[in-house]
């Protein structure tokens, strides 16, 4: 059975917010053009031993609003990453810090204790 750690609630909340923000950023990014700057598209030759042909349409680039939204997501991800990474809880663990950091990534999957 994997070791459990007594994560403080503010650390759990910051990690959950980081996970949610990353997911929202990735979902938003899927709606954007493939290039932030206007770029011409291309079509490459067929891959050897495959029918795959690499191609991209022309990219109009991001609008000012899209670029600002991406910047907001990135700033929030950086802020939350800093909160998680520099939390004082890590200093209390000694040699268990690597295991605890890994466990925190899956803490939301563990059932709440009754």
PDB file of N, CA and C in Angstrom:
ATOM      1  N   UNK A   1       0.851  -1.187   0.000  1.00  0.00           N
ATOM      2  CA  UNK A   1       0.000   0.000   0.000  1.00  0.00           C
ATOM      3  C   UNK A   1       0.892   1.244   0.000  1.00  0.00           C
ATOM      4  N   UNK A   2       0.614   2.198  -0.906  1.00  0.00           N
ATOM      5  CA  UNK A   2       1.439   3.396  -0.943  1.00  0.00           C
ATOM      6  C   UNK A   2       1.275   4.230   0.322  1.00  0.00           C
ATOM      7  N   UNK A   3       2.353   4.872   0.684  1.00  0.00           N
ATOM      8  CA  UNK A   3       2.328   5.729   1.863  1.00  0.00           C
ATOM      9  C   UNK A   3       1.453   6.944   1.600  1.00  0.00           C
ATOM     10  N   UNK A   4       0.696   7.326   2.596  1.00  0.00           N
ATOM     11  CA  UNK A   4      -0.109   8.546   2.493  1.00  0.00           C
ATOM     12  C   UNK A   4       0.579   9.644   3.307  1.00  0.00           C
ATOM     13  N   UNK A   5       0.319  10.855   2.932  1.00  0.00           N
ATOM     14  CA  UNK A   5       0.942  11.998   3.587  1.00  0.00           C
ATOM     15  C   UNK A   5      -0.140  12.948   4.079  1.00  0.00           C
ATOM     16  N   UNK A   6       0.119  13.619   5.199  1.00  0.00           N
ATOM     17  CA  UNK A   6      -0.864  14.563   5.749  1.00  0.00           C
ATOM     18  C   UNK A   6      -0.758  15.933   5.064  1.00  0.00           C
ATOM     19  N   UNK A   7      -1.163  15.973   3.795  1.00  0.00           N
ATOM     20  CA  UNK A   7      -1.051  17.230   3.055  1.00  0.00           C
ATOM     21  C   UNK A   7      -1.947  18.295   3.671  1.00  0.00           C
ATOM     22  N   UNK A   8      -1.422  19.509   3.857  1.00  0.00           N
ATOM     23  CA  UNK A   8      -2.284  20.606   4.337  1.00  0.00           C
ATOM     24  C   UNK A   8      -3.327  20.949   3.273  1.00  0.00           C
ATOM     25  N   UNK A   9      -4.468  21.407   3.725  1.00  0.00           N
ATOM     26  CA  UNK A   9      -5.567  21.688   2.800  1.00  0.00           C
ATOM     27  C   UNK A   9      -5.208  22.757   1.774  1.00  0.00           C
ATOM     28  N   UNK A  10      -4.438  23.767   2.180  1.00  0.00           N
ATOM     29  CA  UNK A  10      -4.083  24.812   1.213  1.00  0.00           C
ATOM     30  C   UNK A  10      -3.191  24.270   0.096  1.00  0.00           C
ATOM     31  N   UNK A  11      -2.355  23.284   0.400  1.00  0.00           N
ATOM     32  CA  UNK A  11      -1.527  22.650  -0.622  1.00  0.00           C
ATOM     33  C   UNK A  11      -2.385  21.800  -1.557  1.00  0.00           C
ATOM     34  N   UNK A  12      -3.304  21.042  -0.986  1.00  0.00           N
ATOM     35  CA  UNK A  12      -4.239  20.256  -1.808  1.00  0.00           C
ATOM     36  C   UNK A  12      -5.064  21.164  -2.714  1.00  0.00           C
ATOM     37  N   UNK A  13      -5.521  22.272  -2.166  1.00  0.00           N
ATOM     38  CA  UNK A  13      -6.328  23.219  -2.954  1.00  0.00           C
ATOM     39  C   UNK A  13      -5.511  23.838  -4.088  1.00  0.00           C
ATOM     40  N   UNK A  14      -4.259  24.181  -3.795  1.00  0.00           N
ATOM     41  CA  UNK A  14      -3.404  24.768  -4.830  1.00  0.00           C
ATOM     42  C   UNK A  14      -3.124  23.756  -5.936  1.00  0.00           C
ATOM     43  N   UNK A  15      -2.873  22.489  -5.570  1.00  0.00           N
ATOM     44  CA  UNK A  15      -2.629  21.466  -6.580  1.00  0.00           C
ATOM     45  C   UNK A  15      -3.885  21.227  -7.419  1.00  0.00           C
ATOM     46  N   UNK A  16      -5.053  21.208  -6.780  1.00  0.00           N
ATOM     47  CA  UNK A  16      -6.307  21.021  -7.523  1.00  0.00           C
ATOM     48  C   UNK A  16      -6.537  22.190  -8.479  1.00  0.00           C
ATOM     49  N   UNK A  17      -6.284  23.403  -8.011  1.00  0.00           N
ATOM     50  CA  UNK A  17      -6.447  24.579  -8.875  1.00  0.00           C
ATOM     51  C   UNK A  17      -5.453  24.535 -10.032  1.00  0.00           C
ATOM     52  N   UNK A  18      -4.237  24.074  -9.772  1.00  0.00           N
ATOM     53  CA  UNK A  18      -3.238  23.938 -10.830  1.00  0.00           C
ATOM     54  C   UNK A  18      -3.691  22.926 -11.869  1.00  0.00           C
ATOM     55  N   UNK A  19      -4.196  21.786 -11.419  1.00  0.00           N
ATOM     56  CA  UNK A  19      -4.703  20.766 -12.349  1.00  0.00           C
ATOM     57  C   UNK A  19      -5.845  21.315 -13.198  1.00  0.00           C
ATOM     58  N   UNK A  20      -6.775  22.007 -12.569  1.00  0.00           N
ATOM     59  CA  UNK A  20      -7.926  22.565 -13.280  1.00  0.00           C
ATOM     60  C   UNK A  20      -7.490  23.632 -14.284  1.00  0.00           C
ATOM     61  N   UNK A  21      -6.551  24.484 -13.875  1.00  0.00           N
ATOM     62  CA  UNK A  21      -6.083  25.556 -14.753  1.00  0.00           C
ATOM     63  C   UNK A  21      -5.338  24.994 -15.953  1.00  0.00           C
ATOM     64  N   UNK A  22      -4.486  23.991 -15.714  1.00  0.00           N
ATOM     65  CA  UNK A  22      -3.780  23.353 -16.833  1.00  0.00           C
ATOM     66  C   UNK A  22      -4.761  22.729 -17.810  1.00  0.00           C
ATOM     67  N   UNK A  23      -5.768  22.029 -17.274  1.00  0.00           N
ATOM     68  CA  UNK A  23      -6.764  21.380 -18.138  1.00  0.00           C
ATOM     69  C   UNK A  23      -7.538  22.425 -18.939  1.00  0.00           C
ATOM     70  N   UNK A  24      -7.924  23.513 -18.293  1.00  0.00           N
ATOM     71  CA  UNK A  24      -8.662  24.573 -18.992  1.00  0.00           C
ATOM     72  C   UNK A  24      -7.796  25.216 -20.067  1.00  0.00           C
ATOM     73  N   UNK A  25      -6.515  25.413 -19.771  1.00  0.00           N
ATOM     74  CA  UNK A  25      -5.598  25.990 -20.747  1.00  0.00           C
ATOM     75  C   UNK A  25      -5.443  25.066 -21.957  1.00  0.00           C
ATOM     76  N   UNK A  26      -5.279  23.775 -21.705  1.00  0.00           N
ATOM     77  CA  UNK A  26      -5.148  22.811 -22.797  1.00  0.00           C
ATOM     78  C   UNK A  26      -6.422  22.764 -23.644  1.00  0.00           C
ATOM     79  N   UNK A  27      -7.566  22.813 -22.994  1.00  0.00           N
ATOM     80  CA  UNK A  27      -8.840  22.803 -23.719  1.00  0.00           C
ATOM     81  C   UNK A  27      -8.968  24.068 -24.578  1.00  0.00           C
ATOM     82  N   UNK A  28      -8.601  25.202 -24.011  1.00  0.00           N
ATOM     83  CA  UNK A  28      -8.651  26.460 -24.763  1.00  0.00           C
ATOM     84  C   UNK A  28      -7.684  26.418 -25.943  1.00  0.00           C
ATOM     85  N   UNK A  29      -6.482  25.887 -25.708  1.00  0.00           N
ATOM     86  CA  UNK A  29      -5.461  25.840 -26.758  1.00  0.00           C
ATOM     87  C   UNK A  29      -5.922  25.013 -27.959  1.00  0.00           C
ATOM     88  N   UNK A  30      -6.750  24.005 -27.725  1.00  0.00           N
ATOM     89  CA  UNK A  30      -7.259  23.185 -28.833  1.00  0.00           C
ATOM     90  C   UNK A  30      -8.157  23.978 -29.778  1.00  0.00           C
ATOM     91  N   UNK A  31      -8.668  25.114 -29.314  1.00  0.00           N
ATOM     92  CA  UNK A  31      -9.550  25.935 -30.149  1.00  0.00           C
ATOM     93  C   UNK A  31      -8.777  26.970 -30.960  1.00  0.00           C
ATOM     94  N   UNK A  32      -7.482  27.105 -30.686  1.00  0.00           N
ATOM     95  CA  UNK A  32      -6.682  28.158 -31.298  1.00  0.00           C
ATOM     96  C   UNK A  32      -6.038  27.707 -32.604  1.00  0.00           C
ATOM     97  N   UNK A  33      -5.635  28.653 -33.425  1.00  0.00           N
ATOM     98  CA  UNK A  33      -4.851  28.301 -34.613  1.00  0.00           C
ATOM     99  C   UNK A  33      -3.570  27.589 -34.184  1.00  0.00           C
ATOM    100  N   UNK A  34      -2.986  26.802 -35.080  1.00  0.00           N
ATOM    101  CA  UNK A  34      -1.808  26.016 -34.711  1.00  0.00           C
ATOM    102  C   UNK A  34      -0.572  26.866 -34.450  1.00  0.00           C
ATOM    103  N   UNK A  35      -0.551  28.104 -34.926  1.00  0.00           N
ATOM    104  CA  UNK A  35       0.582  28.998 -34.691  1.00  0.00           C
ATOM    105  C   UNK A  35       0.091  30.303 -34.082  1.00  0.00           C
ATOM    106  N   UNK A  36       0.837  30.797 -33.107  1.00  0.00           N
ATOM    107  CA  UNK A  36       0.476  32.076 -32.492  1.00  0.00           C
ATOM    108  C   UNK A  36       0.676  33.234 -33.459  1.00  0.00           C
ATOM    109  N   UNK A  37       1.630  33.102 -34.362  1.00  0.00           N
ATOM    110  CA  UNK A  37       1.914  34.118 -35.378  1.00  0.00           C
ATOM    111  C   UNK A  37       1.363  33.644 -36.726  1.00  0.00           C
ATOM    112  N   UNK A  38       0.960  34.566 -37.591  1.00  0.00           N
ATOM    113  CA  UNK A  38       0.522  34.147 -38.923  1.00  0.00           C
ATOM    114  C   UNK A  38       1.631  33.357 -39.625  1.00  0.00           C
ATOM    115  N   UNK A  39       1.272  32.189 -40.139  1.00  0.00           N
ATOM    116  CA  UNK A  39       2.248  31.316 -40.806  1.00  0.00           C
ATOM    117  C   UNK A  39       1.576  30.635 -41.989  1.00  0.00           C
ATOM    118  N   UNK A  40       2.333  30.452 -43.061  1.00  0.00           N
ATOM    119  CA  UNK A  40       1.762  29.707 -44.188  1.00  0.00           C
ATOM    120  C   UNK A  40       1.666  28.224 -43.853  1.00  0.00           C
ATOM    121  N   UNK A  41       0.710  27.567 -44.430  1.00  0.00           N
ATOM    122  CA  UNK A  41       0.567  26.129 -44.240  1.00  0.00           C
ATOM    123  C   UNK A  41       1.557  25.367 -45.101  1.00  0.00           C
ATOM    124  N   UNK A  42       1.511  24.039 -45.009  1.00  0.00           N
ATOM    125  CA  UNK A  42       2.388  23.217 -45.822  1.00  0.00           C
ATOM    126  C   UNK A  42       1.810  21.814 -45.966  1.00  0.00           C
ATOM    127  N   UNK A  43       2.354  21.096 -46.906  1.00  0.00           N
ATOM    128  CA  UNK A  43       2.061  19.674 -47.067  1.00  0.00           C
ATOM    129  C   UNK A  43       3.379  18.993 -47.381  1.00  0.00           C
ATOM    130  N   UNK A  44       3.756  18.027 -46.569  1.00  0.00           N
ATOM    131  CA  UNK A  44       5.013  17.309 -46.753  1.00  0.00           C
ATOM    132  C   UNK A  44       4.785  16.064 -47.607  1.00  0.00           C
ATOM    133  N   UNK A  45       5.858  15.454 -47.998  1.00  0.00           N
ATOM    134  CA  UNK A  45       5.774  14.200 -48.749  1.00  0.00           C
ATOM    135  C   UNK A  45       5.249  13.081 -47.865  1.00  0.00           C
ATOM    136  N   UNK A  46       4.712  12.060 -48.522  1.00  0.00           N
ATOM    137  CA  UNK A  46       4.215  10.886 -47.810  1.00  0.00           C
ATOM    138  C   UNK A  46       5.354  10.245 -47.016  1.00  0.00           C
ATOM    139  N   UNK A  47       5.031   9.799 -45.791  1.00  0.00           N
ATOM    140  CA  UNK A  47       6.012   9.121 -44.958  1.00  0.00           C
ATOM    141  C   UNK A  47       6.323   7.739 -45.533  1.00  0.00           C
ATOM    142  N   UNK A  48       7.564   7.317 -45.463  1.00  0.00           N
ATOM    143  CA  UNK A  48       7.993   6.014 -45.934  1.00  0.00           C
ATOM    144  C   UNK A  48       7.244   4.911 -45.180  1.00  0.00           C
ATOM    145  N   UNK A  49       6.743   3.919 -45.876  1.00  0.00           N
ATOM    146  CA  UNK A  49       6.023   2.772 -45.307  1.00  0.00           C
ATOM    147  C   UNK A  49       4.739   3.192 -44.593  1.00  0.00           C
ATOM    148  N   UNK A  50       4.158   4.280 -45.022  1.00  0.00           N
ATOM    149  CA  UNK A  50       2.946   4.778 -44.381  1.00  0.00           C
ATOM    150  C   UNK A  50       2.177   5.610 -45.395  1.00  0.00           C
ATOM    151  N   UNK A  51       0.913   5.778 -45.133  1.00  0.00           N
ATOM    152  CA  UNK A  51       0.105   6.663 -45.973  1.00  0.00           C
ATOM    153  C   UNK A  51      -0.037   8.048 -45.352  1.00  0.00           C
ATOM    154  N   UNK A  52       0.680   8.278 -44.237  1.00  0.00           N
ATOM    155  CA  UNK A  52       0.566   9.543 -43.522  1.00  0.00           C
ATOM    156  C   UNK A  52       1.250  10.669 -44.287  1.00  0.00           C
ATOM    157  N   UNK A  53       0.534  11.757 -44.452  1.00  0.00           N
ATOM    158  CA  UNK A  53       1.080  12.960 -45.073  1.00  0.00           C
ATOM    159  C   UNK A  53       0.921  14.102 -44.067  1.00  0.00           C
ATOM    160  N   UNK A  54       2.043  14.671 -43.650  1.00  0.00           N
ATOM    161  CA  UNK A  54       2.021  15.772 -42.706  1.00  0.00           C
ATOM    162  C   UNK A  54       1.568  17.037 -43.435  1.00  0.00           C
ATOM    163  N   UNK A  55       0.581  17.714 -42.876  1.00  0.00           N
ATOM    164  CA  UNK A  55       0.106  18.945 -43.494  1.00  0.00           C
ATOM    165  C   UNK A  55      -0.524  19.856 -42.457  1.00  0.00           C
ATOM    166  N   UNK A  56      -0.462  21.118 -42.714  1.00  0.00           N
ATOM    167  CA  UNK A  56      -1.093  22.141 -41.881  1.00  0.00           C
ATOM    168  C   UNK A  56      -1.698  23.186 -42.803  1.00  0.00           C
ATOM    169  N   UNK A  57      -2.886  23.688 -42.446  1.00  0.00           N
ATOM    170  CA  UNK A  57      -3.450  24.796 -43.223  1.00  0.00           C
ATOM    171  C   UNK A  57      -2.753  26.102 -42.833  1.00  0.00           C
ATOM    172  N   UNK A  58      -3.002  27.152 -43.571  1.00  0.00           N
ATOM    173  CA  UNK A  58      -2.476  28.462 -43.183  1.00  0.00           C
ATOM    174  C   UNK A  58      -2.996  28.809 -41.793  1.00  0.00           C
ATOM    175  N   UNK A  59      -2.148  29.444 -40.998  1.00  0.00           N
ATOM    176  CA  UNK A  59      -2.560  29.883 -39.663  1.00  0.00           C
ATOM    177  C   UNK A  59      -2.685  31.397 -39.666  1.00  0.00           C
ATOM    178  N   UNK A  60      -3.838  31.916 -39.248  1.00  0.00           N
ATOM    179  CA  UNK A  60      -3.993  33.366 -39.179  1.00  0.00           C
ATOM    180  C   UNK A  60      -3.280  33.970 -37.970  1.00  0.00           C
ATOM    181  N   UNK A  61      -2.790  33.110 -37.053  1.00  0.00           N
ATOM    182  CA  UNK A  61      -2.189  33.601 -35.811  1.00  0.00           C
ATOM    183  C   UNK A  61      -3.269  33.888 -34.780  1.00  0.00           C
ATOM    184  N   UNK A  62      -2.843  34.213 -33.592  1.00  0.00           N
ATOM    185  CA  UNK A  62      -3.783  34.521 -32.513  1.00  0.00           C
ATOM    186  C   UNK A  62      -4.274  35.956 -32.639  1.00  0.00           C
ATOM    187  N   UNK A  63      -5.512  36.166 -32.251  1.00  0.00           N
ATOM    188  CA  UNK A  63      -6.005  37.532 -32.101  1.00  0.00           C
ATOM    189  C   UNK A  63      -5.402  38.101 -30.818  1.00  0.00           C
ATOM    190  N   UNK A  64      -5.531  39.392 -30.628  1.00  0.00           N
ATOM    191  CA  UNK A  64      -5.036  40.004 -29.390  1.00  0.00           C
ATOM    192  C   UNK A  64      -5.733  39.404 -28.175  1.00  0.00           C
ATOM    193  N   UNK A  65      -7.021  39.130 -28.303  1.00  0.00           N
ATOM    194  CA  UNK A  65      -7.791  38.543 -27.200  1.00  0.00           C
ATOM    195  C   UNK A  65      -7.312  37.125 -26.895  1.00  0.00           C
ATOM    196  N   UNK A  66      -7.046  36.344 -27.933  1.00  0.00           N
ATOM    197  CA  UNK A  66      -6.567  34.982 -27.724  1.00  0.00           C
ATOM    198  C   UNK A  66      -5.187  34.991 -27.069  1.00  0.00           C
ATOM    199  N   UNK A  67      -4.301  35.848 -27.528  1.00  0.00           N
ATOM    200  CA  UNK A  67      -2.956  35.947 -26.946  1.00  0.00           C
ATOM    201  C   UNK A  67      -3.034  36.371 -25.481  1.00  0.00           C
ATOM    202  N   UNK A  68      -3.939  37.295 -25.170  1.00  0.00           N
ATOM    203  CA  UNK A  68      -4.097  37.742 -23.788  1.00  0.00           C
ATOM    204  C   UNK A  68      -4.629  36.617 -22.906  1.00  0.00           C
ATOM    205  N   UNK A  69      -5.551  35.822 -23.431  1.00  0.00           N
ATOM    206  CA  UNK A  69      -6.107  34.705 -22.659  1.00  0.00           C
ATOM    207  C   UNK A  69      -5.039  33.648 -22.397  1.00  0.00           C
ATOM    208  N   UNK A  70      -4.233  33.342 -23.394  1.00  0.00           N
ATOM    209  CA  UNK A  70      -3.135  32.389 -23.206  1.00  0.00           C
ATOM    210  C   UNK A  70      -2.162  32.932 -22.155  1.00  0.00           C
ATOM    211  N   UNK A  71      -1.853  34.207 -22.214  1.00  0.00           N
ATOM    212  CA  UNK A  71      -0.946  34.818 -21.235  1.00  0.00           C
ATOM    213  C   UNK A  71      -1.533  34.740 -19.827  1.00  0.00           C
ATOM    214  N   UNK A  72      -2.845  34.946 -19.694  1.00  0.00           N
ATOM    215  CA  UNK A  72      -3.494  34.844 -18.377  1.00  0.00           C
ATOM    216  C   UNK A  72      -3.385  33.416 -17.838  1.00  0.00           C
ATOM    217  N   UNK A  73      -3.661  32.439 -18.690  1.00  0.00           N
ATOM    218  CA  UNK A  73      -3.532  31.040 -18.260  1.00  0.00           C
ATOM    219  C   UNK A  73      -2.098  30.740 -17.819  1.00  0.00           C
ATOM    220  N   UNK A  74      -1.128  31.150 -18.615  1.00  0.00           N
ATOM    221  CA  UNK A  74       0.275  30.855 -18.292  1.00  0.00           C
ATOM    222  C   UNK A  74       0.698  31.525 -16.994  1.00  0.00           C
ATOM    223  N   UNK A  75       0.261  32.746 -16.773  1.00  0.00           N
ATOM    224  CA  UNK A  75       0.599  33.454 -15.534  1.00  0.00           C
ATOM    225  C   UNK A  75      -0.017  32.742 -14.330  1.00  0.00           C
ATOM    226  N   UNK A  76      -1.249  32.296 -14.467  1.00  0.00           N
ATOM    227  CA  UNK A  76      -1.920  31.588 -13.359  1.00  0.00           C
ATOM    228  C   UNK A  76      -1.249  30.241 -13.096  1.00  0.00           C
ATOM    229  N   UNK A  77      -0.864  29.531 -14.153  1.00  0.00           N
ATOM    230  CA  UNK A  77      -0.170  28.251 -13.982  1.00  0.00           C
ATOM    231  C   UNK A  77       1.164  28.476 -13.273  1.00  0.00           C
ATOM    232  N   UNK A  78       1.886  29.517 -13.653  1.00  0.00           N
ATOM    233  CA  UNK A  78       3.155  29.828 -12.990  1.00  0.00           C
ATOM    234  C   UNK A  78       2.935  30.167 -11.521  1.00  0.00           C
ATOM    235  N   UNK A  79       1.926  30.966 -11.252  1.00  0.00           N
ATOM    236  CA  UNK A  79       1.617  31.354  -9.873  1.00  0.00           C
ATOM    237  C   UNK A  79       1.289  30.121  -9.025  1.00  0.00           C
ATOM    238  N   UNK A  80       0.412  29.266  -9.519  1.00  0.00           N
ATOM    239  CA  UNK A  80       0.018  28.075  -8.761  1.00  0.00           C
ATOM    240  C   UNK A  80       1.168  27.077  -8.636  1.00  0.00           C
ATOM    241  N   UNK A  81       1.969  26.938  -9.676  1.00  0.00           N
ATOM    242  CA  UNK A  81       3.132  26.050  -9.610  1.00  0.00           C
ATOM    243  C   UNK A  81       4.101  26.517  -8.525  1.00  0.00           C
ATOM    244  N   UNK A  82       4.276  27.816  -8.432  1.00  0.00           N
ATOM    245  CA  UNK A  82       5.167  28.374  -7.415  1.00  0.00           C
ATOM    246  C   UNK A  82       4.616  28.109  -6.019  1.00  0.00           C
ATOM    247  N   UNK A  83       3.324  28.258  -5.834  1.00  0.00           N
ATOM    248  CA  UNK A  83       2.700  27.987  -4.538  1.00  0.00           C
ATOM    249  C   UNK A  83       2.914  26.525  -4.150  1.00  0.00           C
ATOM    250  N   UNK A  84       2.678  25.613  -5.071  1.00  0.00           N
ATOM    251  CA  UNK A  84       2.827  24.185  -4.785  1.00  0.00           C
ATOM    252  C   UNK A  84       4.293  23.846  -4.526  1.00  0.00           C
ATOM    253  N   UNK A  85       5.173  24.294  -5.407  1.00  0.00           N
ATOM    254  CA  UNK A  85       6.583  23.935  -5.322  1.00  0.00           C
ATOM    255  C   UNK A  85       7.260  24.481  -4.067  1.00  0.00           C
ATOM    256  N   UNK A  86       6.894  25.672  -3.659  1.00  0.00           N
ATOM    257  CA  UNK A  86       7.582  26.323  -2.538  1.00  0.00           C
ATOM    258  C   UNK A  86       6.823  26.221  -1.218  1.00  0.00           C
ATOM    259  N   UNK A  87       5.812  25.380  -1.149  1.00  0.00           N
ATOM    260  CA  UNK A  87       5.019  25.250   0.077  1.00  0.00           C
ATOM    261  C   UNK A  87       5.902  24.776   1.235  1.00  0.00           C
ATOM    262  N   UNK A  88       5.737  25.340   2.416  1.00  0.00           N
ATOM    263  CA  UNK A  88       6.563  24.956   3.568  1.00  0.00           C
ATOM    264  C   UNK A  88       6.422  23.487   3.982  1.00  0.00           C
ATOM    265  N   UNK A  89       5.345  22.841   3.579  1.00  0.00           N
ATOM    266  CA  UNK A  89       5.140  21.434   3.939  1.00  0.00           C
ATOM    267  C   UNK A  89       6.298  20.562   3.475  1.00  0.00           C
ATOM    268  N   UNK A  90       6.871  20.864   2.302  1.00  0.00           N
ATOM    269  CA  UNK A  90       7.929  20.020   1.757  1.00  0.00           C
ATOM    270  C   UNK A  90       9.143  19.962   2.674  1.00  0.00           C
ATOM    271  N   UNK A  91       9.411  21.032   3.400  1.00  0.00           N
ATOM    272  CA  UNK A  91      10.575  21.084   4.294  1.00  0.00           C
ATOM    273  C   UNK A  91      10.417  20.174   5.514  1.00  0.00           C
ATOM    274  N   UNK A  92       9.215  19.690   5.765  1.00  0.00           N
ATOM    275  CA  UNK A  92       8.968  18.858   6.945  1.00  0.00           C
ATOM    276  C   UNK A  92       9.168  17.369   6.665  1.00  0.00           C
ATOM    277  N   UNK A  93       9.487  16.998   5.440  1.00  0.00           N
ATOM    278  CA  UNK A  93       9.453  15.584   5.065  1.00  0.00           C
ATOM    279  C   UNK A  93      10.799  14.868   5.026  1.00  0.00           C
ATOM    280  N   UNK A  94      11.871  15.577   4.924  1.00  0.00           N
ATOM    281  CA  UNK A  94      13.165  14.907   4.837  1.00  0.00           C
ATOM    282  C   UNK A  94      13.284  14.067   3.576  1.00  0.00           C
ATOM    283  N   UNK A  95      13.626  12.800   3.717  1.00  0.00           N
ATOM    284  CA  UNK A  95      13.857  11.908   2.575  1.00  0.00           C
ATOM    285  C   UNK A  95      12.577  11.520   1.830  1.00  0.00           C
ATOM    286  N   UNK A  96      11.424  11.775   2.391  1.00  0.00           N
ATOM    287  CA  UNK A  96      10.153  11.386   1.756  1.00  0.00           C
ATOM    288  C   UNK A  96       9.619  12.426   0.771  1.00  0.00           C
ATOM    289  N   UNK A  97      10.341  13.500   0.554  1.00  0.00           N
ATOM    290  CA  UNK A  97       9.810  14.598  -0.250  1.00  0.00           C
ATOM    291  C   UNK A  97       9.489  14.170  -1.683  1.00  0.00           C
ATOM    292  N   UNK A  98      10.306  13.344  -2.306  1.00  0.00           N
ATOM    293  CA  UNK A  98      10.040  12.927  -3.689  1.00  0.00           C
ATOM    294  C   UNK A  98       8.783  12.068  -3.740  1.00  0.00           C
ATOM    295  N   UNK A  99       8.654  11.147  -2.809  1.00  0.00           N
ATOM    296  CA  UNK A  99       7.450  10.299  -2.763  1.00  0.00           C
ATOM    297  C   UNK A  99       6.209  11.145  -2.483  1.00  0.00           C
ATOM    298  N   UNK A 100       6.364  12.122  -1.618  1.00  0.00           N
ATOM    299  CA  UNK A 100       5.222  12.977  -1.277  1.00  0.00           C
ATOM    300  C   UNK A 100       4.803  13.835  -2.465  1.00  0.00           C
ATOM    301  N   UNK A 101       5.771  14.373  -3.199  1.00  0.00           N
ATOM    302  CA  UNK A 101       5.423  15.187  -4.380  1.00  0.00           C
ATOM    303  C   UNK A 101       4.681  14.330  -5.407  1.00  0.00           C
ATOM    304  N   UNK A 102       5.114  13.095  -5.579  1.00  0.00           N
ATOM    305  CA  UNK A 102       4.416  12.188  -6.499  1.00  0.00           C
ATOM    306  C   UNK A 102       3.024  11.861  -5.976  1.00  0.00           C
ATOM    307  N   UNK A 103       2.916  11.639  -4.674  1.00  0.00           N
ATOM    308  CA  UNK A 103       1.622  11.318  -4.073  1.00  0.00           C
ATOM    309  C   UNK A 103       0.647  12.486  -4.203  1.00  0.00           C
ATOM    310  N   UNK A 104       1.157  13.710  -4.112  1.00  0.00           N
ATOM    311  CA  UNK A 104       0.279  14.878  -4.227  1.00  0.00           C
ATOM    312  C   UNK A 104      -0.404  14.921  -5.591  1.00  0.00           C
ATOM    313  N   UNK A 105       0.304  14.494  -6.619  1.00  0.00           N
ATOM    314  CA  UNK A 105      -0.280  14.498  -7.961  1.00  0.00           C
ATOM    315  C   UNK A 105      -1.504  13.597  -8.056  1.00  0.00           C
ATOM    316  N   UNK A 106      -1.589  12.601  -7.175  1.00  0.00           N
ATOM    317  CA  UNK A 106      -2.707  11.657  -7.204  1.00  0.00           C
ATOM    318  C   UNK A 106      -3.600  11.772  -5.976  1.00  0.00           C
ATOM    319  N   UNK A 107      -3.376  12.779  -5.158  1.00  0.00           N
ATOM    320  CA  UNK A 107      -4.154  12.926  -3.927  1.00  0.00           C
ATOM    321  C   UNK A 107      -5.639  13.091  -4.201  1.00  0.00           C
ATOM    322  N   UNK A 108      -5.982  13.693  -5.323  1.00  0.00           N
ATOM    323  CA  UNK A 108      -7.395  13.889  -5.656  1.00  0.00           C
ATOM    324  C   UNK A 108      -8.087  12.575  -6.010  1.00  0.00           C
ATOM    325  N   UNK A 109      -7.294  11.528  -6.311  1.00  0.00           N
ATOM    326  CA  UNK A 109      -7.858  10.233  -6.675  1.00  0.00           C
ATOM    327  C   UNK A 109      -8.194   9.387  -5.450  1.00  0.00           C
ATOM    328  N   UNK A 110      -7.605   9.731  -4.315  1.00  0.00           N
ATOM    329  CA  UNK A 110      -7.796   8.945  -3.099  1.00  0.00           C
ATOM    330  C   UNK A 110      -9.127   9.303  -2.465  1.00  0.00           C
ATOM    331  N   UNK A 111      -9.862   8.285  -1.989  1.00  0.00           N
ATOM    332  CA  UNK A 111     -11.151   8.592  -1.334  1.00  0.00           C
ATOM    333  C   UNK A 111     -10.919   9.349  -0.033  1.00  0.00           C
ATOM    334  N   UNK A 112     -11.822  10.252   0.250  1.00  0.00           N
ATOM    335  CA  UNK A 112     -11.730  11.024   1.498  1.00  0.00           C
ATOM    336  C   UNK A 112     -11.938  10.104   2.681  1.00  0.00           C
ATOM    337  N   UNK A 113     -11.166  10.335   3.742  1.00  0.00           N
ATOM    338  CA  UNK A 113     -11.304   9.506   4.935  1.00  0.00           C
ATOM    339  C   UNK A 113     -12.544   9.906   5.693  1.00  0.00           C
ATOM    340  N   UNK A 114     -13.240   8.914   6.191  1.00  0.00           N
ATOM    341  CA  UNK A 114     -14.493   9.177   6.906  1.00  0.00           C
ATOM    342  C   UNK A 114     -14.237   9.590   8.330  1.00  0.00           C
TER     343      UNK A 114
END
